Amino acid sequence: VLLITQPDRWTAASMYQATRIFASNMDAKMAQRFYNILLLPRIRDDIDEYKKLNFHLYMALRKALFKPSAFFKGIILPLCEFIHVHSGESLSLCRGVRDEVFLILQPINIIWL
């Protein structure tokens, strides 16, 4: 049903609003699918075209962190699977979510040690 609304024509602000809805109202599996199918390609295209991340897409990434499992499975792991990840993409994404991801990964590092 979501694809009928043509999300490839959505503005960055509308992607943020859709991310808010999926992060707050849907379960982790549905949020992961939204992040993987719609949000991640939009972020990659935006960085590829403008060489930086749009503010609204940055806010969408921050909002996506409210479901950490969906965030890692829908954005981080698929991004790691791409062979041709440009350094600009990875730098933009790392700058965008550096502090929030650190707060999530810090307990994992403590457990790992």
PDB file of N, CA and C in Angstrom:
ATOM      1  N   VAL A   1       0.831  -1.186   0.000  1.00  0.00           N
ATOM      2  CA  VAL A   1       0.000   0.000   0.000  1.00  0.00           C
ATOM      3  C   VAL A   1       0.876   1.250   0.000  1.00  0.00           C
ATOM      4  N   LEU A   2       1.999   1.191   0.703  1.00  0.00           N
ATOM      5  CA  LEU A   2       2.879   2.351   0.793  1.00  0.00           C
ATOM      6  C   LEU A   2       3.476   2.716  -0.565  1.00  0.00           C
ATOM      7  N   LEU A   3       3.758   1.717  -1.384  1.00  0.00           N
ATOM      8  CA  LEU A   3       4.374   1.984  -2.687  1.00  0.00           C
ATOM      9  C   LEU A   3       3.415   2.673  -3.649  1.00  0.00           C
ATOM     10  N   ILE A   4       2.115   2.607  -3.397  1.00  0.00           N
ATOM     11  CA  ILE A   4       1.137   3.299  -4.237  1.00  0.00           C
ATOM     12  C   ILE A   4       1.319   4.811  -4.134  1.00  0.00           C
ATOM     13  N   THR A   5       1.798   5.282  -2.993  1.00  0.00           N
ATOM     14  CA  THR A   5       1.985   6.724  -2.786  1.00  0.00           C
ATOM     15  C   THR A   5       3.251   7.265  -3.444  1.00  0.00           C
ATOM     16  N   GLN A   6       3.987   6.430  -4.137  1.00  0.00           N
ATOM     17  CA  GLN A   6       5.204   6.791  -4.861  1.00  0.00           C
ATOM     18  C   GLN A   6       6.234   7.471  -3.956  1.00  0.00           C
ATOM     19  N   PRO A   7       6.819   6.710  -3.029  1.00  0.00           N
ATOM     20  CA  PRO A   7       7.778   7.312  -2.092  1.00  0.00           C
ATOM     21  C   PRO A   7       9.040   7.840  -2.755  1.00  0.00           C
ATOM     22  N   ASP A   8       9.324   7.441  -3.984  1.00  0.00           N
ATOM     23  CA  ASP A   8      10.496   7.991  -4.669  1.00  0.00           C
ATOM     24  C   ASP A   8      10.297   9.466  -5.030  1.00  0.00           C
ATOM     25  N   ARG A   9       9.074   9.950  -4.985  1.00  0.00           N
ATOM     26  CA  ARG A   9       8.784  11.356  -5.261  1.00  0.00           C
ATOM     27  C   ARG A   9       8.597  12.180  -3.986  1.00  0.00           C
ATOM     28  N   TRP A  10       8.738  11.563  -2.839  1.00  0.00           N
ATOM     29  CA  TRP A  10       8.571  12.280  -1.579  1.00  0.00           C
ATOM     30  C   TRP A  10       9.724  13.247  -1.366  1.00  0.00           C
ATOM     31  N   THR A  11       9.434  14.323  -0.673  1.00  0.00           N
ATOM     32  CA  THR A  11      10.494  15.247  -0.281  1.00  0.00           C
ATOM     33  C   THR A  11      11.234  14.668   0.919  1.00  0.00           C
ATOM     34  N   ALA A  12      12.346  15.281   1.242  1.00  0.00           N
ATOM     35  CA  ALA A  12      13.116  14.815   2.405  1.00  0.00           C
ATOM     36  C   ALA A  12      12.316  15.010   3.691  1.00  0.00           C
ATOM     37  N   ALA A  13      11.557  16.081   3.775  1.00  0.00           N
ATOM     38  CA  ALA A  13      10.740  16.320   4.970  1.00  0.00           C
ATOM     39  C   ALA A  13       9.650  15.265   5.121  1.00  0.00           C
ATOM     40  N   SER A  14       9.074  14.837   4.014  1.00  0.00           N
ATOM     41  CA  SER A  14       8.044  13.792   4.102  1.00  0.00           C
ATOM     42  C   SER A  14       8.668  12.433   4.455  1.00  0.00           C
ATOM     43  N   MET A  15       9.909  12.185   4.041  1.00  0.00           N
ATOM     44  CA  MET A  15      10.597  10.963   4.473  1.00  0.00           C
ATOM     45  C   MET A  15      10.822  10.978   5.979  1.00  0.00           C
ATOM     46  N   TYR A  16      11.125  12.147   6.510  1.00  0.00           N
ATOM     47  CA  TYR A  16      11.291  12.273   7.953  1.00  0.00           C
ATOM     48  C   TYR A  16       9.982  11.967   8.668  1.00  0.00           C
ATOM     49  N   GLN A  17       8.889  12.506   8.167  1.00  0.00           N
ATOM     50  CA  GLN A  17       7.597  12.268   8.804  1.00  0.00           C
ATOM     51  C   GLN A  17       7.205  10.790   8.714  1.00  0.00           C
ATOM     52  N   ALA A  18       7.483  10.161   7.591  1.00  0.00           N
ATOM     53  CA  ALA A  18       7.187   8.731   7.454  1.00  0.00           C
ATOM     54  C   ALA A  18       8.062   7.911   8.401  1.00  0.00           C
ATOM     55  N   THR A  19       9.305   8.309   8.565  1.00  0.00           N
ATOM     56  CA  THR A  19      10.197   7.615   9.500  1.00  0.00           C
ATOM     57  C   THR A  19       9.688   7.761  10.924  1.00  0.00           C
ATOM     58  N   ARG A  20       9.188   8.926  11.260  1.00  0.00           N
ATOM     59  CA  ARG A  20       8.601   9.124  12.594  1.00  0.00           C
ATOM     60  C   ARG A  20       7.447   8.159  12.821  1.00  0.00           C
ATOM     61  N   ILE A  21       6.608   7.991  11.820  1.00  0.00           N
ATOM     62  CA  ILE A  21       5.456   7.098  11.951  1.00  0.00           C
ATOM     63  C   ILE A  21       5.920   5.660  12.115  1.00  0.00           C
ATOM     64  N   PHE A  22       6.865   5.239  11.281  1.00  0.00           N
ATOM     65  CA  PHE A  22       7.324   3.853  11.352  1.00  0.00           C
ATOM     66  C   PHE A  22       8.113   3.589  12.639  1.00  0.00           C
ATOM     67  N   ALA A  23       8.868   4.561  13.109  1.00  0.00           N
ATOM     68  CA  ALA A  23       9.659   4.349  14.322  1.00  0.00           C
ATOM     69  C   ALA A  23       8.788   4.312  15.566  1.00  0.00           C
ATOM     70  N   SER A  24       7.675   5.019  15.533  1.00  0.00           N
ATOM     71  CA  SER A  24       6.862   5.081  16.750  1.00  0.00           C
ATOM     72  C   SER A  24       5.683   4.119  16.747  1.00  0.00           C
ATOM     73  N   ASN A  25       5.101   3.822  15.600  1.00  0.00           N
ATOM     74  CA  ASN A  25       3.860   3.053  15.567  1.00  0.00           C
ATOM     75  C   ASN A  25       3.987   1.620  15.073  1.00  0.00           C
ATOM     76  N   MET A  26       5.043   1.298  14.369  1.00  0.00           N
ATOM     77  CA  MET A  26       5.170  -0.039  13.798  1.00  0.00           C
ATOM     78  C   MET A  26       6.119  -0.887  14.642  1.00  0.00           C
ATOM     79  N   ASP A  27       6.018  -2.195  14.445  1.00  0.00           N
ATOM     80  CA  ASP A  27       6.945  -3.084  15.146  1.00  0.00           C
ATOM     81  C   ASP A  27       8.308  -3.036  14.455  1.00  0.00           C
ATOM     82  N   ALA A  28       9.290  -3.677  15.063  1.00  0.00           N
ATOM     83  CA  ALA A  28      10.664  -3.596  14.563  1.00  0.00           C
ATOM     84  C   ALA A  28      10.808  -4.183  13.160  1.00  0.00           C
ATOM     85  N   LYS A  29      10.064  -5.231  12.866  1.00  0.00           N
ATOM     86  CA  LYS A  29      10.178  -5.864  11.549  1.00  0.00           C
ATOM     87  C   LYS A  29       9.674  -4.940  10.436  1.00  0.00           C
ATOM     88  N   MET A  30       8.544  -4.287  10.672  1.00  0.00           N
ATOM     89  CA  MET A  30       8.016  -3.363   9.665  1.00  0.00           C
ATOM     90  C   MET A  30       8.912  -2.135   9.525  1.00  0.00           C
ATOM     91  N   ALA A  31       9.433  -1.646  10.634  1.00  0.00           N
ATOM     92  CA  ALA A  31      10.340  -0.503  10.584  1.00  0.00           C
ATOM     93  C   ALA A  31      11.605  -0.872   9.816  1.00  0.00           C
ATOM     94  N   GLN A  32      12.113  -2.075  10.049  1.00  0.00           N
ATOM     95  CA  GLN A  32      13.310  -2.525   9.338  1.00  0.00           C
ATOM     96  C   GLN A  32      13.070  -2.570   7.838  1.00  0.00           C
ATOM     97  N   ARG A  33      11.925  -3.064   7.431  1.00  0.00           N
ATOM     98  CA  ARG A  33      11.618  -3.113   5.995  1.00  0.00           C
ATOM     99  C   ARG A  33      11.547  -1.714   5.410  1.00  0.00           C
ATOM    100  N   PHE A  34      10.920  -0.781   6.125  1.00  0.00           N
ATOM    101  CA  PHE A  34      10.848   0.607   5.644  1.00  0.00           C
ATOM    102  C   PHE A  34      12.241   1.205   5.532  1.00  0.00           C
ATOM    103  N   TYR A  35      13.065   0.998   6.551  1.00  0.00           N
ATOM    104  CA  TYR A  35      14.420   1.552   6.529  1.00  0.00           C
ATOM    105  C   TYR A  35      15.224   0.980   5.365  1.00  0.00           C
ATOM    106  N   ASN A  36      15.103  -0.327   5.149  1.00  0.00           N
ATOM    107  CA  ASN A  36      15.904  -1.002   4.131  1.00  0.00           C
ATOM    108  C   ASN A  36      15.418  -0.689   2.723  1.00  0.00           C
ATOM    109  N   ILE A  37      14.117  -0.695   2.511  1.00  0.00           N
ATOM    110  CA  ILE A  37      13.570  -0.553   1.159  1.00  0.00           C
ATOM    111  C   ILE A  37      13.450   0.903   0.727  1.00  0.00           C
ATOM    112  N   LEU A  38      13.116   1.792   1.645  1.00  0.00           N
ATOM    113  CA  LEU A  38      12.856   3.174   1.248  1.00  0.00           C
ATOM    114  C   LEU A  38      13.872   4.182   1.782  1.00  0.00           C
ATOM    115  N   LEU A  39      14.182   4.118   3.056  1.00  0.00           N
ATOM    116  CA  LEU A  39      15.020   5.156   3.652  1.00  0.00           C
ATOM    117  C   LEU A  39      16.481   5.051   3.218  1.00  0.00           C
ATOM    118  N   LEU A  40      17.059   3.875   3.287  1.00  0.00           N
ATOM    119  CA  LEU A  40      18.476   3.720   2.928  1.00  0.00           C
ATOM    120  C   LEU A  40      18.772   4.103   1.479  1.00  0.00           C
ATOM    121  N   PRO A  41      17.989   3.627   0.495  1.00  0.00           N
ATOM    122  CA  PRO A  41      18.281   4.072  -0.876  1.00  0.00           C
ATOM    123  C   PRO A  41      18.136   5.580  -1.060  1.00  0.00           C
ATOM    124  N   ARG A  42      17.162   6.169  -0.367  1.00  0.00           N
ATOM    125  CA  ARG A  42      16.977   7.617  -0.474  1.00  0.00           C
ATOM    126  C   ARG A  42      18.181   8.358   0.109  1.00  0.00           C
ATOM    127  N   ILE A  43      18.692   7.889   1.221  1.00  0.00           N
ATOM    128  CA  ILE A  43      19.854   8.518   1.832  1.00  0.00           C
ATOM    129  C   ILE A  43      21.079   8.369   0.934  1.00  0.00           C
ATOM    130  N   ARG A  44      21.265   7.180   0.380  1.00  0.00           N
ATOM    131  CA  ARG A  44      22.418   6.966  -0.508  1.00  0.00           C
ATOM    132  C   ARG A  44      22.328   7.833  -1.756  1.00  0.00           C
ATOM    133  N   ASP A  45      21.134   7.944  -2.331  1.00  0.00           N
ATOM    134  CA  ASP A  45      20.962   8.787  -3.515  1.00  0.00           C
ATOM    135  C   ASP A  45      21.208  10.255  -3.202  1.00  0.00           C
ATOM    136  N   ASP A  46      20.736  10.702  -2.051  1.00  0.00           N
ATOM    137  CA  ASP A  46      20.910  12.089  -1.662  1.00  0.00           C
ATOM    138  C   ASP A  46      22.388  12.422  -1.459  1.00  0.00           C
ATOM    139  N   ILE A  47      23.101  11.536  -0.793  1.00  0.00           N
ATOM    140  CA  ILE A  47      24.540  11.764  -0.585  1.00  0.00           C
ATOM    141  C   ILE A  47      25.279  11.706  -1.920  1.00  0.00           C
ATOM    142  N   ASP A  48      24.885  10.786  -2.788  1.00  0.00           N
ATOM    143  CA  ASP A  48      25.543  10.670  -4.089  1.00  0.00           C
ATOM    144  C   ASP A  48      25.318  11.919  -4.934  1.00  0.00           C
ATOM    145  N   GLU A  49      24.106  12.461  -4.880  1.00  0.00           N
ATOM    146  CA  GLU A  49      23.788  13.608  -5.720  1.00  0.00           C
ATOM    147  C   GLU A  49      24.339  14.919  -5.168  1.00  0.00           C
ATOM    148  N   TYR A  50      24.176  15.167  -3.875  1.00  0.00           N
ATOM    149  CA  TYR A  50      24.548  16.453  -3.295  1.00  0.00           C
ATOM    150  C   TYR A  50      25.859  16.429  -2.517  1.00  0.00           C
ATOM    151  N   LYS A  51      26.456  15.258  -2.362  1.00  0.00           N
ATOM    152  CA  LYS A  51      27.722  15.081  -1.641  1.00  0.00           C
ATOM    153  C   LYS A  51      27.609  15.419  -0.155  1.00  0.00           C
ATOM    154  N   LYS A  52      26.398  15.483   0.363  1.00  0.00           N
ATOM    155  CA  LYS A  52      26.164  15.668   1.792  1.00  0.00           C
ATOM    156  C   LYS A  52      24.757  15.184   2.102  1.00  0.00           C
ATOM    157  N   LEU A  53      24.481  15.038   3.375  1.00  0.00           N
ATOM    158  CA  LEU A  53      23.201  14.513   3.814  1.00  0.00           C
ATOM    159  C   LEU A  53      22.249  15.658   4.134  1.00  0.00           C
ATOM    160  N   ASN A  54      21.059  15.583   3.575  1.00  0.00           N
ATOM    161  CA  ASN A  54      20.022  16.572   3.825  1.00  0.00           C
ATOM    162  C   ASN A  54      19.655  16.581   5.304  1.00  0.00           C
ATOM    163  N   PHE A  55      19.309  17.761   5.828  1.00  0.00           N
ATOM    164  CA  PHE A  55      18.977  17.888   7.245  1.00  0.00           C
ATOM    165  C   PHE A  55      17.797  17.000   7.634  1.00  0.00           C
ATOM    166  N   HIS A  56      16.769  16.948   6.806  1.00  0.00           N
ATOM    167  CA  HIS A  56      15.587  16.154   7.125  1.00  0.00           C
ATOM    168  C   HIS A  56      15.893  14.657   7.100  1.00  0.00           C
ATOM    169  N   LEU A  57      16.772  14.242   6.195  1.00  0.00           N
ATOM    170  CA  LEU A  57      17.166  12.838   6.170  1.00  0.00           C
ATOM    171  C   LEU A  57      18.061  12.505   7.367  1.00  0.00           C
ATOM    172  N   TYR A  58      18.864  13.470   7.782  1.00  0.00           N
ATOM    173  CA  TYR A  58      19.645  13.295   9.006  1.00  0.00           C
ATOM    174  C   TYR A  58      18.719  13.106  10.202  1.00  0.00           C
ATOM    175  N   MET A  59      17.679  13.923  10.279  1.00  0.00           N
ATOM    176  CA  MET A  59      16.717  13.789  11.375  1.00  0.00           C
ATOM    177  C   MET A  59      15.971  12.460  11.276  1.00  0.00           C
ATOM    178  N   ALA A  60      15.728  11.983  10.053  1.00  0.00           N
ATOM    179  CA  ALA A  60      15.093  10.676   9.877  1.00  0.00           C
ATOM    180  C   ALA A  60      16.001   9.564  10.401  1.00  0.00           C
ATOM    181  N   LEU A  61      17.303   9.686  10.156  1.00  0.00           N
ATOM    182  CA  LEU A  61      18.243   8.700  10.691  1.00  0.00           C
ATOM    183  C   LEU A  61      18.243   8.715  12.216  1.00  0.00           C
ATOM    184  N   ARG A  62      18.223   9.899  12.778  1.00  0.00           N
ATOM    185  CA  ARG A  62      18.184   9.996  14.244  1.00  0.00           C
ATOM    186  C   ARG A  62      16.908   9.384  14.795  1.00  0.00           C
ATOM    187  N   LYS A  63      15.797   9.628  14.124  1.00  0.00           N
ATOM    188  CA  LYS A  63      14.529   9.068  14.582  1.00  0.00           C
ATOM    189  C   LYS A  63      14.525   7.549  14.397  1.00  0.00           C
ATOM    190  N   ALA A  64      15.200   7.065  13.370  1.00  0.00           N
ATOM    191  CA  ALA A  64      15.260   5.619  13.129  1.00  0.00           C
ATOM    192  C   ALA A  64      15.995   4.903  14.256  1.00  0.00           C
ATOM    193  N   LEU A  65      16.835   5.600  14.967  1.00  0.00           N
ATOM    194  CA  LEU A  65      17.581   4.993  16.071  1.00  0.00           C
ATOM    195  C   LEU A  65      16.700   4.624  17.262  1.00  0.00           C
ATOM    196  N   PHE A  66      15.450   5.078  17.262  1.00  0.00           N
ATOM    197  CA  PHE A  66      14.558   4.721  18.360  1.00  0.00           C
ATOM    198  C   PHE A  66      14.182   3.252  18.332  1.00  0.00           C
ATOM    199  N   LYS A  67      14.387   2.589  17.206  1.00  0.00           N
ATOM    200  CA  LYS A  67      14.253   1.134  17.109  1.00  0.00           C
ATOM    201  C   LYS A  67      15.627   0.599  16.725  1.00  0.00           C
ATOM    202  N   PRO A  68      16.506   0.352  17.705  1.00  0.00           N
ATOM    203  CA  PRO A  68      17.905   0.005  17.398  1.00  0.00           C
ATOM    204  C   PRO A  68      18.061  -1.257  16.569  1.00  0.00           C
ATOM    205  N   SER A  69      17.278  -2.287  16.852  1.00  0.00           N
ATOM    206  CA  SER A  69      17.438  -3.526  16.074  1.00  0.00           C
ATOM    207  C   SER A  69      17.053  -3.301  14.618  1.00  0.00           C
ATOM    208  N   ALA A  70      15.982  -2.566  14.390  1.00  0.00           N
ATOM    209  CA  ALA A  70      15.568  -2.266  13.017  1.00  0.00           C
ATOM    210  C   ALA A  70      16.583  -1.366  12.335  1.00  0.00           C
ATOM    211  N   PHE A  71      17.177  -0.445  13.086  1.00  0.00           N
ATOM    212  CA  PHE A  71      18.179   0.454  12.527  1.00  0.00           C
ATOM    213  C   PHE A  71      19.402  -0.317  12.042  1.00  0.00           C
ATOM    214  N   PHE A  72      19.909  -1.199  12.887  1.00  0.00           N
ATOM    215  CA  PHE A  72      21.104  -1.948  12.499  1.00  0.00           C
ATOM    216  C   PHE A  72      20.818  -2.944  11.391  1.00  0.00           C
ATOM    217  N   LYS A  73      19.675  -3.635  11.460  1.00  0.00           N
ATOM    218  CA  LYS A  73      19.355  -4.620  10.433  1.00  0.00           C
ATOM    219  C   LYS A  73      18.893  -3.982   9.138  1.00  0.00           C
ATOM    220  N   GLY A  74      18.290  -2.804   9.205  1.00  0.00           N
ATOM    221  CA  GLY A  74      17.745  -2.169   8.014  1.00  0.00           C
ATOM    222  C   GLY A  74      18.646  -1.146   7.370  1.00  0.00           C
ATOM    223  N   ILE A  75      19.605  -0.591   8.134  1.00  0.00           N
ATOM    224  CA  ILE A  75      20.468   0.454   7.566  1.00  0.00           C
ATOM    225  C   ILE A  75      21.944   0.083   7.657  1.00  0.00           C
ATOM    226  N   ILE A  76      22.430  -0.218   8.852  1.00  0.00           N
ATOM    227  CA  ILE A  76      23.865  -0.427   9.034  1.00  0.00           C
ATOM    228  C   ILE A  76      24.349  -1.703   8.334  1.00  0.00           C
ATOM    229  N   LEU A  77      23.702  -2.824   8.592  1.00  0.00           N
ATOM    230  CA  LEU A  77      24.160  -4.081   7.974  1.00  0.00           C
ATOM    231  C   LEU A  77      24.031  -4.080   6.453  1.00  0.00           C
ATOM    232  N   PRO A  78      22.908  -3.626   5.870  1.00  0.00           N
ATOM    233  CA  PRO A  78      22.872  -3.547   4.401  1.00  0.00           C
ATOM    234  C   PRO A  78      23.911  -2.592   3.838  1.00  0.00           C
ATOM    235  N   LEU A  79      24.193  -1.520   4.564  1.00  0.00           N
ATOM    236  CA  LEU A  79      25.213  -0.582   4.095  1.00  0.00           C
ATOM    237  C   LEU A  79      26.584  -1.240   4.093  1.00  0.00           C
ATOM    238  N   CYS A  80      26.842  -2.082   5.073  1.00  0.00           N
ATOM    239  CA  CYS A  80      28.121  -2.807   5.138  1.00  0.00           C
ATOM    240  C   CYS A  80      28.231  -3.860   4.033  1.00  0.00           C
ATOM    241  N   GLU A  81      27.087  -4.362   3.562  1.00  0.00           N
ATOM    242  CA  GLU A  81      27.113  -5.378   2.514  1.00  0.00           C
ATOM    243  C   GLU A  81      27.429  -4.804   1.142  1.00  0.00           C
ATOM    244  N   PHE A  82      27.180  -3.517   0.937  1.00  0.00           N
ATOM    245  CA  PHE A  82      27.475  -2.911  -0.349  1.00  0.00           C
ATOM    246  C   PHE A  82      28.972  -2.900  -0.570  1.00  0.00           C
ATOM    247  N   ILE A  83      29.391  -3.340  -1.728  1.00  0.00           N
ATOM    248  CA  ILE A  83      30.816  -3.349  -2.046  1.00  0.00           C
ATOM    249  C   ILE A  83      31.280  -1.943  -2.394  1.00  0.00           C
ATOM    250  N   HIS A  84      30.423  -1.200  -3.059  1.00  0.00           N
ATOM    251  CA  HIS A  84      30.812   0.113  -3.573  1.00  0.00           C
ATOM    252  C   HIS A  84      30.283   1.235  -2.687  1.00  0.00           C
ATOM    253  N   VAL A  85      30.555   1.159  -1.408  1.00  0.00           N
ATOM    254  CA  VAL A  85      30.191   2.256  -0.517  1.00  0.00           C
ATOM    255  C   VAL A  85      31.269   3.312  -0.636  1.00  0.00           C
ATOM    256  N   HIS A  86      30.865   4.494  -1.053  1.00  0.00           N
ATOM    257  CA  HIS A  86      31.825   5.585  -1.200  1.00  0.00           C
ATOM    258  C   HIS A  86      32.216   6.100   0.174  1.00  0.00           C
ATOM    259  N   SER A  87      33.422   6.581   0.283  1.00  0.00           N
ATOM    260  CA  SER A  87      33.869   7.103   1.571  1.00  0.00           C
ATOM    261  C   SER A  87      33.045   8.308   1.991  1.00  0.00           C
ATOM    262  N   GLY A  88      32.539   9.070   1.030  1.00  0.00           N
ATOM    263  CA  GLY A  88      31.690  10.213   1.361  1.00  0.00           C
ATOM    264  C   GLY A  88      30.395   9.778   2.007  1.00  0.00           C
ATOM    265  N   GLU A  89      29.811   8.684   1.513  1.00  0.00           N
ATOM    266  CA  GLU A  89      28.587   8.156   2.114  1.00  0.00           C
ATOM    267  C   GLU A  89      28.834   7.720   3.539  1.00  0.00           C
ATOM    268  N   SER A  90      29.883   6.949   3.721  1.00  0.00           N
ATOM    269  CA  SER A  90      30.144   6.438   5.060  1.00  0.00           C
ATOM    270  C   SER A  90      30.486   7.570   6.016  1.00  0.00           C
ATOM    271  N   LEU A  91      31.241   8.579   5.554  1.00  0.00           N
ATOM    272  CA  LEU A  91      31.562   9.701   6.427  1.00  0.00           C
ATOM    273  C   LEU A  91      30.323  10.493   6.794  1.00  0.00           C
ATOM    274  N   SER A  92      29.428  10.715   5.820  1.00  0.00           N
ATOM    275  CA  SER A  92      28.211  11.466   6.102  1.00  0.00           C
ATOM    276  C   SER A  92      27.331  10.718   7.082  1.00  0.00           C
ATOM    277  N   LEU A  93      27.202   9.418   6.889  1.00  0.00           N
ATOM    278  CA  LEU A  93      26.379   8.640   7.805  1.00  0.00           C
ATOM    279  C   LEU A  93      27.019   8.571   9.187  1.00  0.00           C
ATOM    280  N   CYS A  94      28.330   8.426   9.232  1.00  0.00           N
ATOM    281  CA  CYS A  94      29.003   8.353  10.529  1.00  0.00           C
ATOM    282  C   CYS A  94      28.896   9.671  11.284  1.00  0.00           C
ATOM    283  N   ARG A  95      29.054  10.773  10.583  1.00  0.00           N
ATOM    284  CA  ARG A  95      28.900  12.066  11.248  1.00  0.00           C
ATOM    285  C   ARG A  95      27.472  12.262  11.714  1.00  0.00           C
ATOM    286  N   GLY A  96      26.535  11.755  10.923  1.00  0.00           N
ATOM    287  CA  GLY A  96      25.130  11.960  11.243  1.00  0.00           C
ATOM    288  C   GLY A  96      24.672  11.244  12.487  1.00  0.00           C
ATOM    289  N   VAL A  97      25.177  10.055  12.729  1.00  0.00           N
ATOM    290  CA  VAL A  97      24.654   9.266  13.849  1.00  0.00           C
ATOM    291  C   VAL A  97      25.744   8.825  14.816  1.00  0.00           C
ATOM    292  N   ARG A  98      26.885   9.474  14.770  1.00  0.00           N
ATOM    293  CA  ARG A  98      28.037   9.064  15.570  1.00  0.00           C
ATOM    294  C   ARG A  98      27.724   8.994  17.059  1.00  0.00           C
ATOM    295  N   ASP A  99      27.177  10.035  17.626  1.00  0.00           N
ATOM    296  CA  ASP A  99      26.961  10.061  19.070  1.00  0.00           C
ATOM    297  C   ASP A  99      25.888   9.075  19.498  1.00  0.00           C
ATOM    298  N   GLU A 100      24.810   8.993  18.712  1.00  0.00           N
ATOM    299  CA  GLU A 100      23.722   8.100  19.083  1.00  0.00           C
ATOM    300  C   GLU A 100      24.134   6.641  18.982  1.00  0.00           C
ATOM    301  N   VAL A 101      24.856   6.287  17.933  1.00  0.00           N
ATOM    302  CA  VAL A 101      25.304   4.906  17.769  1.00  0.00           C
ATOM    303  C   VAL A 101      26.306   4.549  18.861  1.00  0.00           C
ATOM    304  N   PHE A 102      27.149   5.497  19.248  1.00  0.00           N
ATOM    305  CA  PHE A 102      28.110   5.234  20.315  1.00  0.00           C
ATOM    306  C   PHE A 102      27.388   4.881  21.608  1.00  0.00           C
ATOM    307  N   LEU A 103      26.305   5.591  21.897  1.00  0.00           N
ATOM    308  CA  LEU A 103      25.553   5.303  23.116  1.00  0.00           C
ATOM    309  C   LEU A 103      24.948   3.909  23.082  1.00  0.00           C
ATOM    310  N   ILE A 104      24.587   3.434  21.883  1.00  0.00           N
ATOM    311  CA  ILE A 104      24.017   2.093  21.751  1.00  0.00           C
ATOM    312  C   ILE A 104      25.119   1.045  21.809  1.00  0.00           C
ATOM    313  N   LEU A 105      26.262   1.316  21.168  1.00  0.00           N
ATOM    314  CA  LEU A 105      27.330   0.327  21.075  1.00  0.00           C
ATOM    315  C   LEU A 105      28.176   0.231  22.341  1.00  0.00           C
ATOM    316  N   GLN A 106      28.169   1.247  23.174  1.00  0.00           N
ATOM    317  CA  GLN A 106      29.012   1.226  24.364  1.00  0.00           C
ATOM    318  C   GLN A 106      28.721   0.041  25.279  1.00  0.00           C
ATOM    319  N   PRO A 107      27.465  -0.294  25.593  1.00  0.00           N
ATOM    320  CA  PRO A 107      27.235  -1.488  26.416  1.00  0.00           C
ATOM    321  C   PRO A 107      27.638  -2.782  25.715  1.00  0.00           C
ATOM    322  N   ILE A 108      27.517  -2.819  24.395  1.00  0.00           N
ATOM    323  CA  ILE A 108      27.910  -4.014  23.647  1.00  0.00           C
ATOM    324  C   ILE A 108      29.408  -4.218  23.752  1.00  0.00           C
ATOM    325  N   ASN A 109      30.192  -3.139  23.666  1.00  0.00           N
ATOM    326  CA  ASN A 109      31.642  -3.248  23.789  1.00  0.00           C
ATOM    327  C   ASN A 109      32.039  -3.711  25.187  1.00  0.00           C
ATOM    328  N   ILE A 110      31.340  -3.265  26.196  1.00  0.00           N
ATOM    329  CA  ILE A 110      31.644  -3.683  27.564  1.00  0.00           C
ATOM    330  C   ILE A 110      31.379  -5.177  27.735  1.00  0.00           C
ATOM    331  N   ILE A 111      30.255  -5.637  27.180  1.00  0.00           N
ATOM    332  CA  ILE A 111      29.929  -7.060  27.272  1.00  0.00           C
ATOM    333  C   ILE A 111      30.938  -7.892  26.484  1.00  0.00           C
ATOM    334  N   TRP A 112      31.367  -7.383  25.305  1.00  0.00           N
ATOM    335  CA  TRP A 112      32.279  -8.120  24.437  1.00  0.00           C
ATOM    336  C   TRP A 112      33.619  -8.339  25.112  1.00  0.00           C
ATOM    337  N   LEU A 113      34.093  -7.350  25.880  1.00  0.00           N
ATOM    338  CA  LEU A 113      35.398  -7.460  26.522  1.00  0.00           C
ATOM    339  C   LEU A 113      35.287  -8.451  27.648  1.00  0.00           C
TER     340      LEU A 113
END
